[in-house]
Each structure stands twice: as structure tokens, then as C-alpha cells.
Amino acid sequence: MTPPCGHPLCALLGDACSLATGLSRGCQMGPRAGRPLAPEVVDEVRAQLAQLDVGAPRDAEERERWRAAASRLAAIFRREARAGRGLLALADPDDGELEPELRARLAALCRRRA
């Protein structure tokens, strides 16, 4: 089941939208330069994505591990967005900070589906 927000990560968590930042997307006073993500943030995202293996969880323990990793990834996503850093920038194929498999997993989990 996909929630109204369309994020697959939110579907994993069963929440309405776990990626909502609570910030307005209104005027930001002109273009802003992208702020780089700290290396430790990239490492933490990498670790959480590694926990969210491809395929469905096989048992209750694995399901709980997935839920914890998904919840932590959503928290990182919100924190970085509030600081003006977009976590989805790591999913950019030209970025190079994440391995291609993890980039694809991040995009698949955090981009809205129509």
C-alpha cells in the first residue's frame, strides 16, 4: 500500500509521510547554492540503505530491522532538508558519493511515485 504522499519509504513505515519537513516551499529569496552533505551523513545514509536490502523482509526480526533503518533514514532526510541540504542529491548519477546500487535504492525509496 502506497500512502498519499507517494514515497515508498513511507509505505515501509506505514506512516502518512515520514519525509515531510514541515517547511514551506515558498520564496527562499532567490537561488541558493546547494550545501554539501557532511561525510559522516553520507556514511550514515550508506549504512541505513545497506540495512534496507532488496527483497521483502523474511521474518519479524528482519522486518523490525528494516523499520528501524527506514525510520532513521527518514529522520536524516528531514534533518538535512531543514538545514537546506537535499538528501536526494546523493541519488544523482553524477554525484559519485554513493555506490550506484545504493543511489538507485535511495531514489527508489525517497522519490514520489505517481
PDB file of N, CA and C in Angstrom:
ATOM      1  N   MET A   1       0.831  -1.177   0.000  1.00  0.00           N
ATOM      2  CA  MET A   1       0.000   0.000   0.000  1.00  0.00           C
ATOM      3  C   MET A   1       0.883   1.250   0.000  1.00  0.00           C
ATOM      4  N   THR A   2       0.655   2.142  -0.942  1.00  0.00           N
ATOM      5  CA  THR A   2       1.404   3.386  -1.019  1.00  0.00           C
ATOM      6  C   THR A   2       0.592   4.494  -0.355  1.00  0.00           C
ATOM      7  N   PRO A   3       1.211   5.238   0.580  1.00  0.00           N
ATOM      8  CA  PRO A   3       0.488   6.329   1.229  1.00  0.00           C
ATOM      9  C   PRO A   3       0.233   7.474   0.246  1.00  0.00           C
ATOM     10  N   PRO A   4      -0.637   8.415   0.611  1.00  0.00           N
ATOM     11  CA  PRO A   4      -0.964   9.521  -0.287  1.00  0.00           C
ATOM     12  C   PRO A   4       0.241  10.336  -0.752  1.00  0.00           C
ATOM     13  N   CYS A   5       1.302  10.395   0.045  1.00  0.00           N
ATOM     14  CA  CYS A   5       2.484  11.184  -0.337  1.00  0.00           C
ATOM     15  C   CYS A   5       3.224  10.549  -1.513  1.00  0.00           C
ATOM     16  N   GLY A   6       3.102   9.236  -1.682  1.00  0.00           N
ATOM     17  CA  GLY A   6       3.732   8.544  -2.793  1.00  0.00           C
ATOM     18  C   GLY A   6       5.165   8.094  -2.554  1.00  0.00           C
ATOM     19  N   HIS A   7       5.687   8.247  -1.341  1.00  0.00           N
ATOM     20  CA  HIS A   7       7.055   7.807  -1.039  1.00  0.00           C
ATOM     21  C   HIS A   7       7.058   6.329  -0.634  1.00  0.00           C
ATOM     22  N   PRO A   8       7.791   5.488  -1.321  1.00  0.00           N
ATOM     23  CA  PRO A   8       7.884   4.085  -0.915  1.00  0.00           C
ATOM     24  C   PRO A   8       8.441   3.905   0.505  1.00  0.00           C
ATOM     25  N   LEU A   9       9.327   4.802   0.943  1.00  0.00           N
ATOM     26  CA  LEU A   9       9.869   4.712   2.300  1.00  0.00           C
ATOM     27  C   LEU A   9       8.741   4.879   3.323  1.00  0.00           C
ATOM     28  N   CYS A  10       7.819   5.776   3.064  1.00  0.00           N
ATOM     29  CA  CYS A  10       6.681   5.988   3.969  1.00  0.00           C
ATOM     30  C   CYS A  10       5.776   4.762   3.992  1.00  0.00           C
ATOM     31  N   ALA A  11       5.671   4.076   2.860  1.00  0.00           N
ATOM     32  CA  ALA A  11       4.884   2.847   2.808  1.00  0.00           C
ATOM     33  C   ALA A  11       5.515   1.777   3.703  1.00  0.00           C
ATOM     34  N   LEU A  12       6.842   1.714   3.731  1.00  0.00           N
ATOM     35  CA  LEU A  12       7.538   0.767   4.610  1.00  0.00           C
ATOM     36  C   LEU A  12       7.223   1.046   6.071  1.00  0.00           C
ATOM     37  N   LEU A  13       7.127   2.337   6.397  1.00  0.00           N
ATOM     38  CA  LEU A  13       6.894   2.729   7.778  1.00  0.00           C
ATOM     39  C   LEU A  13       5.421   2.728   8.156  1.00  0.00           C
ATOM     40  N   GLY A  14       4.548   2.733   7.141  1.00  0.00           N
ATOM     41  CA  GLY A  14       3.126   2.752   7.410  1.00  0.00           C
ATOM     42  C   GLY A  14       2.631   4.109   7.881  1.00  0.00           C
ATOM     43  N   ASP A  15       3.410   5.147   7.648  1.00  0.00           N
ATOM     44  CA  ASP A  15       3.043   6.496   8.071  1.00  0.00           C
ATOM     45  C   ASP A  15       2.412   7.266   6.930  1.00  0.00           C
ATOM     46  N   ALA A  16       1.777   8.375   7.293  1.00  0.00           N
ATOM     47  CA  ALA A  16       1.202   9.251   6.272  1.00  0.00           C
ATOM     48  C   ALA A  16       2.331   9.808   5.403  1.00  0.00           C
ATOM     49  N   CYS A  17       3.313  10.462   5.987  1.00  0.00           N
ATOM     50  CA  CYS A  17       4.507  10.909   5.269  1.00  0.00           C
ATOM     51  C   CYS A  17       5.623  11.111   6.276  1.00  0.00           C
ATOM     52  N   SER A  18       6.610  10.267   6.203  1.00  0.00           N
ATOM     53  CA  SER A  18       7.749  10.343   7.109  1.00  0.00           C
ATOM     54  C   SER A  18       8.816  11.304   6.612  1.00  0.00           C
ATOM     55  N   LEU A  19       8.684  11.784   5.373  1.00  0.00           N
ATOM     56  CA  LEU A  19       9.697  12.663   4.808  1.00  0.00           C
ATOM     57  C   LEU A  19       9.279  14.129   4.823  1.00  0.00           C
ATOM     58  N   ALA A  20       8.088  14.424   5.294  1.00  0.00           N
ATOM     59  CA  ALA A  20       7.632  15.809   5.363  1.00  0.00           C
ATOM     60  C   ALA A  20       8.506  16.576   6.349  1.00  0.00           C
ATOM     61  N   THR A  21       9.008  17.726   5.897  1.00  0.00           N
ATOM     62  CA  THR A  21       9.933  18.505   6.726  1.00  0.00           C
ATOM     63  C   THR A  21       9.248  19.544   7.577  1.00  0.00           C
ATOM     64  N   GLY A  22       8.000  19.873   7.246  1.00  0.00           N
ATOM     65  CA  GLY A  22       7.305  20.903   7.991  1.00  0.00           C
ATOM     66  C   GLY A  22       7.718  22.305   7.580  1.00  0.00           C
ATOM     67  N   LEU A  23       8.446  22.408   6.482  1.00  0.00           N
ATOM     68  CA  LEU A  23       8.890  23.707   5.990  1.00  0.00           C
ATOM     69  C   LEU A  23       8.099  24.100   4.758  1.00  0.00           C
ATOM     70  N   SER A  24       7.867  25.376   4.614  1.00  0.00           N
ATOM     71  CA  SER A  24       7.194  25.890   3.424  1.00  0.00           C
ATOM     72  C   SER A  24       8.168  25.875   2.262  1.00  0.00           C
ATOM     73  N   ARG A  25       7.657  25.603   1.079  1.00  0.00           N
ATOM     74  CA  ARG A  25       8.490  25.659  -0.112  1.00  0.00           C
ATOM     75  C   ARG A  25       8.369  27.013  -0.786  1.00  0.00           C
ATOM     76  N   GLY A  26       7.877  27.988  -0.053  1.00  0.00           N
ATOM     77  CA  GLY A  26       7.678  29.333  -0.586  1.00  0.00           C
ATOM     78  C   GLY A  26       8.985  30.014  -0.928  1.00  0.00           C
ATOM     79  N   CYS A  27       8.918  31.308  -1.113  1.00  0.00           N
ATOM     80  CA  CYS A  27      10.064  32.108  -1.544  1.00  0.00           C
ATOM     81  C   CYS A  27      11.256  31.909  -0.613  1.00  0.00           C
ATOM     82  N   GLN A  28      12.390  31.670  -1.178  1.00  0.00           N
ATOM     83  CA  GLN A  28      13.626  31.494  -0.422  1.00  0.00           C
ATOM     84  C   GLN A  28      14.627  32.606  -0.762  1.00  0.00           C
ATOM     85  N   MET A  29      14.119  33.717  -1.313  1.00  0.00           N
ATOM     86  CA  MET A  29      14.962  34.874  -1.642  1.00  0.00           C
ATOM     87  C   MET A  29      15.989  34.554  -2.725  1.00  0.00           C
ATOM     88  N   GLY A  30      15.557  33.973  -3.799  1.00  0.00           N
ATOM     89  CA  GLY A  30      16.433  33.731  -4.938  1.00  0.00           C
ATOM     90  C   GLY A  30      17.130  32.395  -4.870  1.00  0.00           C
ATOM     91  N   PRO A  31      17.945  32.116  -5.902  1.00  0.00           N
ATOM     92  CA  PRO A  31      18.631  30.814  -5.941  1.00  0.00           C
ATOM     93  C   PRO A  31      19.592  30.660  -4.768  1.00  0.00           C
ATOM     94  N   ARG A  32      19.664  29.429  -4.292  1.00  0.00           N
ATOM     95  CA  ARG A  32      20.594  29.125  -3.201  1.00  0.00           C
ATOM     96  C   ARG A  32      21.555  28.047  -3.673  1.00  0.00           C
ATOM     97  N   ALA A  33      22.777  28.208  -3.298  1.00  0.00           N
ATOM     98  CA  ALA A  33      23.774  27.187  -3.641  1.00  0.00           C
ATOM     99  C   ALA A  33      23.516  25.952  -2.791  1.00  0.00           C
ATOM    100  N   GLY A  34      23.660  24.791  -3.386  1.00  0.00           N
ATOM    101  CA  GLY A  34      23.493  23.552  -2.645  1.00  0.00           C
ATOM    102  C   GLY A  34      24.579  23.421  -1.592  1.00  0.00           C
ATOM    103  N   ARG A  35      24.180  23.062  -0.414  1.00  0.00           N
ATOM    104  CA  ARG A  35      25.141  22.878   0.672  1.00  0.00           C
ATOM    105  C   ARG A  35      25.566  21.424   0.677  1.00  0.00           C
ATOM    106  N   PRO A  36      26.841  21.188   0.768  1.00  0.00           N
ATOM    107  CA  PRO A  36      27.297  19.788   0.736  1.00  0.00           C
ATOM    108  C   PRO A  36      26.914  19.042   2.011  1.00  0.00           C
ATOM    109  N   LEU A  37      26.686  17.761   1.846  1.00  0.00           N
ATOM    110  CA  LEU A  37      26.416  16.900   2.985  1.00  0.00           C
ATOM    111  C   LEU A  37      27.740  16.524   3.640  1.00  0.00           C
ATOM    112  N   ALA A  38      27.752  16.483   4.943  1.00  0.00           N
ATOM    113  CA  ALA A  38      28.957  16.102   5.682  1.00  0.00           C
ATOM    114  C   ALA A  38      29.281  14.633   5.396  1.00  0.00           C
ATOM    115  N   PRO A  39      30.562  14.281   5.367  1.00  0.00           N
ATOM    116  CA  PRO A  39      30.945  12.888   5.094  1.00  0.00           C
ATOM    117  C   PRO A  39      30.306  11.885   6.056  1.00  0.00           C
ATOM    118  N   GLU A  40      30.137  12.277   7.322  1.00  0.00           N
ATOM    119  CA  GLU A  40      29.529  11.347   8.276  1.00  0.00           C
ATOM    120  C   GLU A  40      28.041  11.129   7.974  1.00  0.00           C
ATOM    121  N   VAL A  41      27.382  12.127   7.387  1.00  0.00           N
ATOM    122  CA  VAL A  41      25.987  11.966   6.979  1.00  0.00           C
ATOM    123  C   VAL A  41      25.909  10.970   5.823  1.00  0.00           C
ATOM    124  N   VAL A  42      26.817  11.117   4.861  1.00  0.00           N
ATOM    125  CA  VAL A  42      26.856  10.198   3.714  1.00  0.00           C
ATOM    126  C   VAL A  42      27.108   8.772   4.210  1.00  0.00           C
ATOM    127  N   ASP A  43      28.022   8.621   5.167  1.00  0.00           N
ATOM    128  CA  ASP A  43      28.308   7.290   5.721  1.00  0.00           C
ATOM    129  C   ASP A  43      27.085   6.703   6.433  1.00  0.00           C
ATOM    130  N   GLU A  44      26.358   7.554   7.165  1.00  0.00           N
ATOM    131  CA  GLU A  44      25.171   7.064   7.864  1.00  0.00           C
ATOM    132  C   GLU A  44      24.068   6.682   6.879  1.00  0.00           C
ATOM    133  N   VAL A  45      23.898   7.471   5.832  1.00  0.00           N
ATOM    134  CA  VAL A  45      22.912   7.131   4.797  1.00  0.00           C
ATOM    135  C   VAL A  45      23.291   5.804   4.153  1.00  0.00           C
ATOM    136  N   ARG A  46      24.561   5.641   3.853  1.00  0.00           N
ATOM    137  CA  ARG A  46      25.055   4.397   3.257  1.00  0.00           C
ATOM    138  C   ARG A  46      24.732   3.204   4.169  1.00  0.00           C
ATOM    139  N   ALA A  47      24.954   3.367   5.470  1.00  0.00           N
ATOM    140  CA  ALA A  47      24.700   2.283   6.422  1.00  0.00           C
ATOM    141  C   ALA A  47      23.209   1.939   6.491  1.00  0.00           C
ATOM    142  N   GLN A  48      22.356   2.958   6.500  1.00  0.00           N
ATOM    143  CA  GLN A  48      20.908   2.696   6.571  1.00  0.00           C
ATOM    144  C   GLN A  48      20.411   2.036   5.290  1.00  0.00           C
ATOM    145  N   LEU A  49      20.900   2.500   4.151  1.00  0.00           N
ATOM    146  CA  LEU A  49      20.494   1.896   2.880  1.00  0.00           C
ATOM    147  C   LEU A  49      20.944   0.437   2.790  1.00  0.00           C
ATOM    148  N   ALA A  50      22.108   0.142   3.353  1.00  0.00           N
ATOM    149  CA  ALA A  50      22.601  -1.240   3.347  1.00  0.00           C
ATOM    150  C   ALA A  50      21.683  -2.142   4.171  1.00  0.00           C
ATOM    151  N   GLN A  51      21.048  -1.569   5.213  1.00  0.00           N
ATOM    152  CA  GLN A  51      20.113  -2.341   6.031  1.00  0.00           C
ATOM    153  C   GLN A  51      18.831  -2.658   5.271  1.00  0.00           C
ATOM    154  N   LEU A  52      18.493  -1.800   4.302  1.00  0.00           N
ATOM    155  CA  LEU A  52      17.257  -1.965   3.532  1.00  0.00           C
ATOM    156  C   LEU A  52      17.557  -2.755   2.263  1.00  0.00           C
ATOM    157  N   ASP A  53      17.937  -4.015   2.434  1.00  0.00           N
ATOM    158  CA  ASP A  53      18.295  -4.893   1.324  1.00  0.00           C
ATOM    159  C   ASP A  53      17.148  -4.990   0.322  1.00  0.00           C
ATOM    160  N   VAL A  54      17.497  -5.416  -0.860  1.00  0.00           N
ATOM    161  CA  VAL A  54      16.488  -5.677  -1.882  1.00  0.00           C
ATOM    162  C   VAL A  54      15.715  -6.921  -1.477  1.00  0.00           C
ATOM    163  N   GLY A  55      14.427  -6.911  -1.716  1.00  0.00           N
ATOM    164  CA  GLY A  55      13.590  -8.045  -1.343  1.00  0.00           C
ATOM    165  C   GLY A  55      12.815  -7.751  -0.073  1.00  0.00           C
ATOM    166  N   ALA A  56      11.811  -8.522   0.169  1.00  0.00           N
ATOM    167  CA  ALA A  56      10.954  -8.314   1.338  1.00  0.00           C
ATOM    168  C   ALA A  56      11.585  -8.941   2.578  1.00  0.00           C
ATOM    169  N   PRO A  57      11.328  -8.357   3.751  1.00  0.00           N
ATOM    170  CA  PRO A  57      11.815  -8.968   4.992  1.00  0.00           C
ATOM    171  C   PRO A  57      11.220 -10.366   5.164  1.00  0.00           C
ATOM    172  N   ARG A  58      12.042 -11.300   5.601  1.00  0.00           N
ATOM    173  CA  ARG A  58      11.613 -12.696   5.688  1.00  0.00           C
ATOM    174  C   ARG A  58      10.978 -13.065   7.019  1.00  0.00           C
ATOM    175  N   ASP A  59      11.303 -12.332   8.081  1.00  0.00           N
ATOM    176  CA  ASP A  59      10.741 -12.672   9.388  1.00  0.00           C
ATOM    177  C   ASP A  59      10.547 -11.401  10.211  1.00  0.00           C
ATOM    178  N   ALA A  60      10.008 -11.553  11.417  1.00  0.00           N
ATOM    179  CA  ALA A  60       9.686 -10.407  12.272  1.00  0.00           C
ATOM    180  C   ALA A  60      10.939  -9.621  12.658  1.00  0.00           C
ATOM    181  N   GLU A  61      12.026 -10.338  12.926  1.00  0.00           N
ATOM    182  CA  GLU A  61      13.273  -9.668  13.308  1.00  0.00           C
ATOM    183  C   GLU A  61      13.796  -8.806  12.166  1.00  0.00           C
ATOM    184  N   GLU A  62      13.781  -9.339  10.961  1.00  0.00           N
ATOM    185  CA  GLU A  62      14.237  -8.587   9.800  1.00  0.00           C
ATOM    186  C   GLU A  62      13.295  -7.415   9.499  1.00  0.00           C
ATOM    187  N   ARG A  63      12.001  -7.627   9.688  1.00  0.00           N
ATOM    188  CA  ARG A  63      11.028  -6.560   9.478  1.00  0.00           C
ATOM    189  C   ARG A  63      11.293  -5.403  10.447  1.00  0.00           C
ATOM    190  N   GLU A  64      11.629  -5.723  11.692  1.00  0.00           N
ATOM    191  CA  GLU A  64      11.930  -4.689  12.693  1.00  0.00           C
ATOM    192  C   GLU A  64      13.238  -3.958  12.344  1.00  0.00           C
ATOM    193  N   ARG A  65      14.212  -4.702  11.834  1.00  0.00           N
ATOM    194  CA  ARG A  65      15.479  -4.087  11.421  1.00  0.00           C
ATOM    195  C   ARG A  65      15.232  -3.110  10.269  1.00  0.00           C
ATOM    196  N   TRP A  66      14.389  -3.521   9.320  1.00  0.00           N
ATOM    197  CA  TRP A  66      14.035  -2.649   8.191  1.00  0.00           C
ATOM    198  C   TRP A  66      13.331  -1.402   8.689  1.00  0.00           C
ATOM    199  N   ARG A  67      12.394  -1.589   9.602  1.00  0.00           N
ATOM    200  CA  ARG A  67      11.621  -0.458  10.115  1.00  0.00           C
ATOM    201  C   ARG A  67      12.538   0.537  10.821  1.00  0.00           C
ATOM    202  N   ALA A  68      13.476   0.039  11.605  1.00  0.00           N
ATOM    203  CA  ALA A  68      14.420   0.923  12.305  1.00  0.00           C
ATOM    204  C   ALA A  68      15.294   1.684  11.307  1.00  0.00           C
ATOM    205  N   ALA A  69      15.790   0.986  10.285  1.00  0.00           N
ATOM    206  CA  ALA A  69      16.629   1.639   9.273  1.00  0.00           C
ATOM    207  C   ALA A  69      15.824   2.657   8.463  1.00  0.00           C
ATOM    208  N   ALA A  70      14.586   2.311   8.114  1.00  0.00           N
ATOM    209  CA  ALA A  70      13.734   3.231   7.360  1.00  0.00           C
ATOM    210  C   ALA A  70      13.406   4.460   8.187  1.00  0.00           C
ATOM    211  N   SER A  71      13.135   4.267   9.465  1.00  0.00           N
ATOM    212  CA  SER A  71      12.829   5.378  10.361  1.00  0.00           C
ATOM    213  C   SER A  71      14.035   6.302  10.508  1.00  0.00           C
ATOM    214  N   ARG A  72      15.216   5.718  10.644  1.00  0.00           N
ATOM    215  CA  ARG A  72      16.441   6.530  10.778  1.00  0.00           C
ATOM    216  C   ARG A  72      16.729   7.282   9.480  1.00  0.00           C
ATOM    217  N   LEU A  73      16.543   6.636   8.338  1.00  0.00           N
ATOM    218  CA  LEU A  73      16.758   7.294   7.049  1.00  0.00           C
ATOM    219  C   LEU A  73      15.794   8.467   6.883  1.00  0.00           C
ATOM    220  N   ALA A  74      14.539   8.290   7.276  1.00  0.00           N
ATOM    221  CA  ALA A  74      13.555   9.375   7.197  1.00  0.00           C
ATOM    222  C   ALA A  74      13.960  10.535   8.103  1.00  0.00           C
ATOM    223  N   ALA A  75      14.464  10.236   9.288  1.00  0.00           N
ATOM    224  CA  ALA A  75      14.901  11.287  10.212  1.00  0.00           C
ATOM    225  C   ALA A  75      16.083  12.069   9.629  1.00  0.00           C
ATOM    226  N   ILE A  76      17.018  11.367   9.005  1.00  0.00           N
ATOM    227  CA  ILE A  76      18.158  12.034   8.365  1.00  0.00           C
ATOM    228  C   ILE A  76      17.663  12.907   7.225  1.00  0.00           C
ATOM    229  N   PHE A  77      16.744  12.381   6.428  1.00  0.00           N
ATOM    230  CA  PHE A  77      16.174  13.119   5.302  1.00  0.00           C
ATOM    231  C   PHE A  77      15.560  14.440   5.786  1.00  0.00           C
ATOM    232  N   ARG A  78      14.746  14.376   6.841  1.00  0.00           N
ATOM    233  CA  ARG A  78      14.098  15.580   7.383  1.00  0.00           C
ATOM    234  C   ARG A  78      15.115  16.558   7.954  1.00  0.00           C
ATOM    235  N   ARG A  79      16.072  16.053   8.727  1.00  0.00           N
ATOM    236  CA  ARG A  79      17.077  16.913   9.347  1.00  0.00           C
ATOM    237  C   ARG A  79      17.884  17.672   8.305  1.00  0.00           C
ATOM    238  N   GLU A  80      18.331  16.950   7.283  1.00  0.00           N
ATOM    239  CA  GLU A  80      19.149  17.588   6.248  1.00  0.00           C
ATOM    240  C   GLU A  80      18.322  18.588   5.427  1.00  0.00           C
ATOM    241  N   ALA A  81      17.048  18.263   5.163  1.00  0.00           N
ATOM    242  CA  ALA A  81      16.185  19.188   4.417  1.00  0.00           C
ATOM    243  C   ALA A  81      15.971  20.475   5.202  1.00  0.00           C
ATOM    244  N   ARG A  82      15.792  20.367   6.493  1.00  0.00           N
ATOM    245  CA  ARG A  82      15.598  21.558   7.330  1.00  0.00           C
ATOM    246  C   ARG A  82      16.849  22.432   7.358  1.00  0.00           C
ATOM    247  N   ALA A  83      17.993  21.827   7.127  1.00  0.00           N
ATOM    248  CA  ALA A  83      19.260  22.568   7.100  1.00  0.00           C
ATOM    249  C   ALA A  83      19.608  23.044   5.692  1.00  0.00           C
ATOM    250  N   GLY A  84      18.695  22.817   4.756  1.00  0.00           N
ATOM    251  CA  GLY A  84      18.928  23.285   3.383  1.00  0.00           C
ATOM    252  C   GLY A  84      19.775  22.352   2.542  1.00  0.00           C
ATOM    253  N   ARG A  85      19.890  21.105   2.973  1.00  0.00           N
ATOM    254  CA  ARG A  85      20.655  20.113   2.209  1.00  0.00           C
ATOM    255  C   ARG A  85      19.704  19.001   1.771  1.00  0.00           C
ATOM    256  N   GLY A  86      19.659  18.752   0.490  1.00  0.00           N
ATOM    257  CA  GLY A  86      18.775  17.727  -0.034  1.00  0.00           C
ATOM    258  C   GLY A  86      19.466  16.379  -0.109  1.00  0.00           C
ATOM    259  N   LEU A  87      18.929  15.418   0.601  1.00  0.00           N
ATOM    260  CA  LEU A  87      19.494  14.071   0.618  1.00  0.00           C
ATOM    261  C   LEU A  87      19.388  13.393  -0.740  1.00  0.00           C
ATOM    262  N   LEU A  88      18.380  13.743  -1.521  1.00  0.00           N
ATOM    263  CA  LEU A  88      18.229  13.125  -2.840  1.00  0.00           C
ATOM    264  C   LEU A  88      19.352  13.520  -3.794  1.00  0.00           C
ATOM    265  N   ALA A  89      20.136  14.527  -3.434  1.00  0.00           N
ATOM    266  CA  ALA A  89      21.302  14.871  -4.260  1.00  0.00           C
ATOM    267  C   ALA A  89      22.263  13.683  -4.334  1.00  0.00           C
ATOM    268  N   LEU A  90      22.252  12.840  -3.306  1.00  0.00           N
ATOM    269  CA  LEU A  90      23.107  11.645  -3.316  1.00  0.00           C
ATOM    270  C   LEU A  90      22.654  10.626  -4.351  1.00  0.00           C
ATOM    271  N   ALA A  91      21.405  10.751  -4.807  1.00  0.00           N
ATOM    272  CA  ALA A  91      20.880   9.820  -5.812  1.00  0.00           C
ATOM    273  C   ALA A  91      21.225  10.262  -7.228  1.00  0.00           C
ATOM    274  N   ASP A  92      21.843  11.428  -7.357  1.00  0.00           N
ATOM    275  CA  ASP A  92      22.236  11.944  -8.668  1.00  0.00           C
ATOM    276  C   ASP A  92      23.359  11.068  -9.241  1.00  0.00           C
ATOM    277  N   PRO A  93      23.202  10.570 -10.469  1.00  0.00           N
ATOM    278  CA  PRO A  93      24.227   9.698 -11.054  1.00  0.00           C
ATOM    279  C   PRO A  93      25.591  10.367 -11.202  1.00  0.00           C
ATOM    280  N   ASP A  94      25.623  11.691 -11.250  1.00  0.00           N
ATOM    281  CA  ASP A  94      26.899  12.402 -11.380  1.00  0.00           C
ATOM    282  C   ASP A  94      27.549  12.684 -10.033  1.00  0.00           C
ATOM    283  N   ASP A  95      26.877  12.328  -8.946  1.00  0.00           N
ATOM    284  CA  ASP A  95      27.356  12.657  -7.610  1.00  0.00           C
ATOM    285  C   ASP A  95      28.611  11.871  -7.245  1.00  0.00           C
ATOM    286  N   GLY A  96      28.532  10.553  -7.296  1.00  0.00           N
ATOM    287  CA  GLY A  96      29.696   9.725  -7.026  1.00  0.00           C
ATOM    288  C   GLY A  96      29.957   9.411  -5.571  1.00  0.00           C
ATOM    289  N   GLU A  97      29.179  10.000  -4.623  1.00  0.00           N
ATOM    290  CA  GLU A  97      29.439   9.727  -3.210  1.00  0.00           C
ATOM    291  C   GLU A  97      28.864   8.392  -2.754  1.00  0.00           C
ATOM    292  N   LEU A  98      27.850   7.918  -3.460  1.00  0.00           N
ATOM    293  CA  LEU A  98      27.265   6.614  -3.142  1.00  0.00           C
ATOM    294  C   LEU A  98      27.485   5.658  -4.300  1.00  0.00           C
ATOM    295  N   GLU A  99      27.578   4.396  -3.976  1.00  0.00           N
ATOM    296  CA  GLU A  99      27.701   3.373  -4.990  1.00  0.00           C
ATOM    297  C   GLU A  99      26.418   3.358  -5.830  1.00  0.00           C
ATOM    298  N   PRO A 100      26.500   2.992  -7.102  1.00  0.00           N
ATOM    299  CA  PRO A 100      25.312   3.007  -7.972  1.00  0.00           C
ATOM    300  C   PRO A 100      24.116   2.246  -7.396  1.00  0.00           C
ATOM    301  N   GLU A 101      24.355   1.101  -6.785  1.00  0.00           N
ATOM    302  CA  GLU A 101      23.262   0.315  -6.209  1.00  0.00           C
ATOM    303  C   GLU A 101      22.564   1.085  -5.087  1.00  0.00           C
ATOM    304  N   LEU A 102      23.356   1.743  -4.228  1.00  0.00           N
ATOM    305  CA  LEU A 102      22.772   2.500  -3.122  1.00  0.00           C
ATOM    306  C   LEU A 102      22.083   3.772  -3.617  1.00  0.00           C
ATOM    307  N   ARG A 103      22.648   4.402  -4.661  1.00  0.00           N
ATOM    308  CA  ARG A 103      21.994   5.574  -5.267  1.00  0.00           C
ATOM    309  C   ARG A 103      20.608   5.207  -5.773  1.00  0.00           C
ATOM    310  N   ALA A 104      20.537   4.080  -6.465  1.00  0.00           N
ATOM    311  CA  ALA A 104      19.262   3.615  -7.007  1.00  0.00           C
ATOM    312  C   ALA A 104      18.280   3.295  -5.876  1.00  0.00           C
ATOM    313  N   ARG A 105      18.776   2.697  -4.805  1.00  0.00           N
ATOM    314  CA  ARG A 105      17.912   2.355  -3.671  1.00  0.00           C
ATOM    315  C   ARG A 105      17.386   3.622  -2.996  1.00  0.00           C
ATOM    316  N   LEU A 106      18.251   4.643  -2.825  1.00  0.00           N
ATOM    317  CA  LEU A 106      17.823   5.908  -2.225  1.00  0.00           C
ATOM    318  C   LEU A 106      16.741   6.568  -3.076  1.00  0.00           C
ATOM    319  N   ALA A 107      16.964   6.611  -4.372  1.00  0.00           N
ATOM    320  CA  ALA A 107      15.969   7.212  -5.275  1.00  0.00           C
ATOM    321  C   ALA A 107      14.659   6.433  -5.230  1.00  0.00           C
ATOM    322  N   ALA A 108      14.751   5.115  -5.226  1.00  0.00           N
ATOM    323  CA  ALA A 108      13.544   4.284  -5.218  1.00  0.00           C
ATOM    324  C   ALA A 108      12.740   4.461  -3.932  1.00  0.00           C
ATOM    325  N   LEU A 109      13.404   4.704  -2.824  1.00  0.00           N
ATOM    326  CA  LEU A 109      12.716   4.835  -1.543  1.00  0.00           C
ATOM    327  C   LEU A 109      12.174   6.240  -1.291  1.00  0.00           C
ATOM    328  N   CYS A 110      12.898   7.256  -1.754  1.00  0.00           N
ATOM    329  CA  CYS A 110      12.576   8.624  -1.327  1.00  0.00           C
ATOM    330  C   CYS A 110      11.945   9.507  -2.405  1.00  0.00           C
ATOM    331  N   ARG A 111      11.895   9.042  -3.637  1.00  0.00           N
ATOM    332  CA  ARG A 111      11.225   9.836  -4.672  1.00  0.00           C
ATOM    333  C   ARG A 111       9.761   9.439  -4.723  1.00  0.00           C
ATOM    334  N   ARG A 112       8.924  10.439  -4.925  1.00  0.00           N
ATOM    335  CA  ARG A 112       7.476  10.188  -5.013  1.00  0.00           C
ATOM    336  C   ARG A 112       7.140   9.357  -6.230  1.00  0.00           C
ATOM    337  N   ARG A 113       6.169   8.490  -6.056  1.00  0.00           N
ATOM    338  CA  ARG A 113       5.623   7.727  -7.185  1.00  0.00           C
ATOM    339  C   ARG A 113       4.255   8.279  -7.485  1.00  0.00           C
ATOM    340  N   ALA A 114       3.949   8.393  -8.754  1.00  0.00           N
ATOM    341  CA  ALA A 114       2.639   8.933  -9.138  1.00  0.00           C
ATOM    342  C   ALA A 114       1.539   7.929  -8.923  1.00  0.00           C
TER     343      ALA A 114
END
